[in-house]
Amino acid sequence: MRILVCNDDGIAAPGLRLLADAARTLDSDVWVVAPERKWTAASHQLSFDRALKLARRSEREYACSGAPADCVVAAMTVLFADGPRPDLVLAGVNDKFNVAEDVAYSGTMAIAREASFWDVPAIGLSAEGSSVSRRAQVDAIGTLVRVLWEGRAAWSGSGHWLSLNLPTRLPAPLVQASVGRDKIGAECEILESAGEETTFRIARGRPGTLVPGDERAALAAGNIALVRHRWLADAAIPVATVGAWSRALG
């Protein structure tokens, strides 16, 4: 079983090491490709506008000069160009929760989404601290990934991936959650305003909103919040409505 581990917090991030060690409890064929630096709210950027570098740091470990999603592309097209491709892609462990609108902003989610474009099962993991030992985290995350891998027939269809937000204490019950609304970046600080030009900084905080059944509610109860995402998320408008618009165009 070949596993690819990527992140958006950078090659030196503790969460990346934690996830790679957890992956090795499943198999020794674990590859790490991560950005040289931390990316925040990078979303699904691909770096078409510049040349990228992939630098080997150690056996099966590489730093990429590009964005988080670039790391998946680099693995698929450079490292595994001659095959075999990974059986599973793991993203994280992100150093903050990825809930609500973070699905759109998150580089962690972009890694999992990009893997789904290649028809490879993917799981993104996020957490905000832990109250258990690192060894306990490795064992709990390894067991969690193994259970989900063995049950992949239920979730790994084309275009789908999983997001897991982890509570501080592991192991913990696994609960399927809905995507909430907890808008990050909803405020800004005005730094300077002169004439027709305003300098501002987007604030990083969020209100902490939760409703029963969403990710934050699951986490507040001490559970692992699981969401199955899909990028094939078009929503059809009634045919009669589109027909009326078309006729109105003449």
Protein backbone atom coordinates (compact mmCIF):
# COMPACT_ATOMS: atom_id res chain seq x y z
CA MET A 1 0.00 0.00 0.00
CA ARG A 2 1.52 3.30 -1.11
CA ILE A 3 0.54 6.40 0.89
CA LEU A 4 1.25 10.03 -0.02
CA VAL A 5 1.25 12.57 2.83
CA CYS A 6 1.04 16.31 2.07
CA ASN A 7 0.14 19.44 4.01
CA ASP A 8 -0.24 23.21 3.77
CA ASP A 9 1.68 24.12 6.95
CA GLY A 10 5.06 23.35 5.41
CA ILE A 11 7.68 20.62 5.41
CA ALA A 12 8.77 21.37 9.00
CA ALA A 13 5.27 21.30 10.53
CA PRO A 14 4.77 18.91 13.49
CA GLY A 15 1.39 17.85 12.15
CA LEU A 16 3.00 16.54 8.97
CA ARG A 17 5.42 14.38 10.98
CA LEU A 18 2.57 13.14 13.13
CA LEU A 19 0.50 12.11 10.12
CA ALA A 20 3.43 10.48 8.34
CA ASP A 21 4.21 8.41 11.45
CA ALA A 22 0.54 7.43 11.72
CA ALA A 23 0.57 6.40 8.05
CA ARG A 24 3.58 4.17 8.68
CA THR A 25 1.49 2.11 11.10
CA LEU A 26 -0.41 0.97 7.97
CA ASP A 27 2.56 0.44 5.64
CA SER A 28 6.20 1.45 5.27
CA ASP A 29 5.70 2.74 1.70
CA VAL A 30 4.94 6.31 2.82
CA TRP A 31 5.97 9.33 0.73
CA VAL A 32 5.96 12.93 1.95
CA VAL A 33 5.68 15.94 -0.35
CA ALA A 34 5.07 19.27 1.37
CA PRO A 35 5.57 22.97 0.64
CA GLU A 36 8.82 24.65 1.63
CA ARG A 37 6.87 27.14 3.73
CA LYS A 38 3.54 27.57 5.46
CA TRP A 39 0.57 28.54 3.29
CA THR A 40 -2.52 30.08 4.82
CA ALA A 41 -5.88 30.01 3.01
CA ALA A 42 -4.08 29.03 -0.21
CA SER A 43 -7.14 27.15 -1.43
CA HIS A 44 -6.63 25.25 -4.71
CA GLN A 45 -3.95 27.40 -6.30
CA LEU A 46 -1.83 25.76 -9.00
CA SER A 47 1.41 27.52 -9.98
CA PHE A 48 1.21 27.75 -13.75
CA ASP A 49 3.07 31.09 -13.81
CA ARG A 50 6.51 29.93 -12.62
CA ALA A 51 8.91 27.00 -12.55
CA LEU A 52 8.77 24.87 -9.41
CA LYS A 53 11.42 22.87 -7.59
CA LEU A 54 11.08 19.50 -5.91
CA ALA A 55 13.97 18.91 -3.50
CA ARG A 56 14.68 15.57 -1.85
CA ARG A 57 15.16 16.02 1.92
CA SER A 58 15.47 12.38 2.89
CA GLU A 59 14.30 8.97 1.71
CA ARG A 60 10.77 9.37 0.27
CA GLU A 61 10.54 12.95 1.57
CA TYR A 62 10.47 16.03 -0.67
CA ALA A 63 9.95 19.78 -0.29
CA CYS A 64 8.10 21.57 -3.07
CA SER A 65 8.48 25.28 -3.83
CA GLY A 66 4.83 25.50 -4.85
CA ALA A 67 1.44 25.63 -3.19
CA PRO A 68 -0.24 22.72 -1.36
CA ALA A 69 -2.12 21.42 -4.43
CA ASP A 70 1.14 21.66 -6.43
CA CYS A 71 2.56 19.03 -4.09
CA VAL A 72 0.01 16.47 -5.26
CA VAL A 73 0.64 17.33 -8.91
CA ALA A 74 4.40 17.03 -8.34
CA ALA A 75 3.98 13.62 -6.77
CA MET A 76 1.72 12.29 -9.51
CA THR A 77 3.64 13.70 -12.48
CA VAL A 78 7.25 13.61 -11.26
CA LEU A 79 7.76 11.09 -8.46
CA PHE A 80 5.17 8.58 -9.66
CA ALA A 81 5.24 9.37 -13.37
CA ASP A 82 6.17 5.76 -14.10
CA GLY A 83 3.88 4.38 -11.37
CA PRO A 84 2.55 3.06 -9.25
CA ARG A 85 0.49 5.98 -7.96
CA PRO A 86 -0.48 6.19 -4.29
CA ASP A 87 -3.37 4.12 -3.05
CA LEU A 88 -4.26 6.82 -0.52
CA VAL A 89 -3.48 10.51 -0.03
CA LEU A 90 -3.48 12.01 3.47
CA ALA A 91 -3.48 15.77 4.04
CA GLY A 92 -2.51 17.42 7.34
CA VAL A 93 -2.62 17.25 10.21
CA ASN A 94 -3.59 20.92 9.80
CA ASP A 95 -2.80 23.11 12.81
CA LYS A 96 -6.31 24.61 12.93
CA PHE A 97 -9.79 23.15 12.40
CA ASN A 98 -11.11 23.11 8.85
CA VAL A 99 -14.82 23.69 9.31
CA ALA A 100 -17.59 25.57 7.53
CA GLU A 101 -16.32 27.96 4.83
CA ASP A 102 -12.78 26.62 5.29
CA VAL A 103 -13.75 23.95 2.77
CA ALA A 104 -13.23 26.65 0.13
CA TYR A 105 -10.20 28.41 1.67
CA SER A 106 -8.20 25.49 3.01
CA GLY A 107 -5.01 24.21 1.40
CA THR A 108 -5.53 20.96 3.33
CA MET A 109 -8.88 20.47 1.63
CA ALA A 110 -7.30 21.42 -1.72
CA ILE A 111 -4.80 18.58 -1.34
CA ALA A 112 -7.58 16.06 -0.77
CA ARG A 113 -9.65 17.58 -3.58
CA GLU A 114 -6.69 17.47 -5.96
CA ALA A 115 -6.14 13.80 -5.12
CA SER A 116 -9.79 13.15 -5.98
CA PHE A 117 -9.15 14.68 -9.40
CA TRP A 118 -6.64 11.86 -9.92
CA ASP A 119 -9.20 9.31 -8.65
CA VAL A 120 -7.12 8.54 -5.57
CA PRO A 121 -8.92 8.19 -2.20
CA ALA A 122 -8.03 11.06 0.09
CA ILE A 123 -8.53 12.14 3.70
CA GLY A 124 -7.82 15.58 5.14
CA LEU A 125 -7.17 15.82 8.89
CA SER A 126 -7.26 18.93 11.08
CA ALA A 127 -6.91 19.63 14.80
CA GLU A 128 -6.32 22.41 17.32
CA GLY A 129 -3.98 20.96 19.92
CA SER A 130 -4.05 17.71 21.85
CA SER A 131 -4.30 16.62 25.46
CA VAL A 132 -2.74 13.20 24.90
CA SER A 133 0.82 12.05 24.21
CA ARG A 134 2.28 12.04 20.73
CA ARG A 135 2.44 8.26 20.81
CA ALA A 136 -1.26 8.11 21.64
CA GLN A 137 -2.01 10.49 18.76
CA VAL A 138 -0.01 8.39 16.31
CA ASP A 139 -1.76 5.20 17.40
CA ALA A 140 -5.25 6.76 17.37
CA ILE A 141 -4.82 8.45 13.98
CA GLY A 142 -3.27 5.32 12.52
CA THR A 143 -6.21 3.23 13.70
CA LEU A 144 -8.68 5.82 12.41
CA VAL A 145 -7.09 5.91 8.96
CA ARG A 146 -6.94 2.10 8.84
CA VAL A 147 -10.65 1.78 9.67
CA LEU A 148 -11.58 4.33 6.99
CA TRP A 149 -9.24 2.76 4.43
CA GLU A 150 -10.75 -0.68 5.02
CA GLY A 151 -14.22 0.87 4.66
CA ARG A 152 -13.33 2.99 1.61
CA ALA A 153 -15.98 1.37 -0.58
CA ALA A 154 -18.55 3.46 1.32
CA TRP A 155 -16.92 6.86 0.69
CA SER A 156 -14.19 6.89 -1.97
CA GLY A 157 -16.28 7.27 -5.12
CA SER A 158 -15.06 9.47 -7.97
CA GLY A 159 -14.73 13.10 -6.92
CA HIS A 160 -15.20 12.40 -3.20
CA TRP A 161 -12.90 12.83 -0.21
CA LEU A 162 -13.16 12.90 3.57
CA SER A 163 -12.50 15.69 6.05
CA LEU A 164 -11.79 14.79 9.67
CA ASN A 165 -11.59 17.36 12.47
CA LEU A 166 -10.02 15.84 15.57
CA PRO A 167 -10.87 16.71 19.20
CA THR A 168 -8.11 17.29 21.73
CA ARG A 169 -8.54 13.83 23.25
CA LEU A 170 -8.02 10.71 21.15
CA PRO A 171 -9.23 8.07 20.59
CA ALA A 172 -12.76 9.44 20.29
CA PRO A 173 -16.09 8.45 18.73
CA LEU A 174 -16.53 9.16 15.02
CA VAL A 175 -19.61 11.23 14.12
CA GLN A 176 -20.82 12.21 10.67
CA ALA A 177 -21.37 15.98 10.67
CA SER A 178 -22.88 18.55 8.37
CA VAL A 179 -20.91 21.52 7.02
CA GLY A 180 -21.59 24.48 9.27
CA ARG A 181 -21.39 28.25 8.83
CA ASP A 182 -18.60 29.91 10.78
CA LYS A 183 -17.12 32.54 8.49
CA ILE A 184 -13.40 33.15 8.88
CA GLY A 185 -12.06 36.50 7.68
CA ALA A 186 -15.36 38.34 8.18
CA GLU A 187 -13.74 41.50 9.56
CA CYS A 188 -10.81 43.73 8.67
CA GLU A 189 -8.56 46.25 10.41
CA ILE A 190 -8.08 49.59 8.69
CA LEU A 191 -4.36 50.38 8.89
CA GLU A 192 -4.36 53.59 6.91
CA SER A 193 -6.77 55.65 4.87
CA ALA A 194 -5.48 58.50 2.72
CA GLY A 195 -7.41 60.05 -0.12
CA GLU A 196 -8.65 57.37 -2.51
CA GLU A 197 -6.50 54.57 -1.04
CA THR A 198 -7.17 52.39 2.00
CA THR A 199 -4.69 49.95 3.53
CA PHE A 200 -6.28 47.13 5.53
CA ARG A 201 -5.60 43.69 6.94
CA ILE A 202 -8.14 40.85 7.00
CA ALA A 203 -8.69 39.57 10.52
CA ARG A 204 -8.05 35.86 11.12
CA GLY A 205 -10.67 35.20 13.77
CA ARG A 206 -14.09 33.62 13.49
CA PRO A 207 -17.23 33.86 15.64
CA GLY A 208 -17.24 30.19 16.69
CA THR A 209 -20.79 29.63 15.49
CA LEU A 210 -22.23 26.13 15.79
CA VAL A 211 -25.60 24.52 15.22
CA PRO A 212 -26.65 21.00 16.23
CA GLY A 213 -25.21 18.43 13.86
CA ASP A 214 -22.41 20.52 12.35
CA GLU A 215 -18.65 20.00 12.71
CA ARG A 216 -18.21 22.37 15.63
CA ALA A 217 -21.06 20.76 17.53
CA ALA A 218 -19.46 17.34 17.05
CA LEU A 219 -16.09 18.65 18.26
CA ALA A 220 -17.67 20.38 21.26
CA ALA A 221 -19.07 17.00 22.32
CA GLY A 222 -15.59 15.44 22.13
CA ASN A 223 -16.19 13.59 18.87
CA ILE A 224 -14.23 13.28 15.64
CA ALA A 225 -16.22 15.25 13.05
CA LEU A 226 -16.40 13.45 9.71
CA VAL A 227 -17.67 15.07 6.51
CA ARG A 228 -17.71 13.43 3.11
CA HIS A 229 -17.13 16.09 0.45
CA ARG A 230 -17.45 16.02 -3.30
CA TRP A 231 -16.29 18.52 -5.89
CA LEU A 232 -18.99 17.45 -8.40
CA ALA A 233 -21.43 19.75 -6.65
CA ASP A 234 -23.49 21.33 -9.41
CA ALA A 235 -27.10 22.12 -8.49
CA ALA A 236 -29.54 22.20 -11.39
CA ILE A 237 -32.03 25.04 -11.88
CA PRO A 238 -35.50 23.93 -13.01
CA VAL A 239 -35.59 23.42 -16.79
CA ALA A 240 -38.69 25.61 -17.14
CA THR A 241 -36.91 28.51 -15.43
CA VAL A 242 -33.88 28.30 -17.70
CA GLY A 243 -36.19 27.98 -20.70
CA ALA A 244 -38.00 31.17 -19.69
CA TRP A 245 -34.70 33.02 -19.36
CA SER A 246 -33.64 31.74 -22.80
CA ARG A 247 -36.87 32.93 -24.39
CA ALA A 248 -36.45 36.33 -22.75
CA LEU A 249 -33.13 36.69 -24.55
CA GLY A 250 -35.01 36.67 -27.82
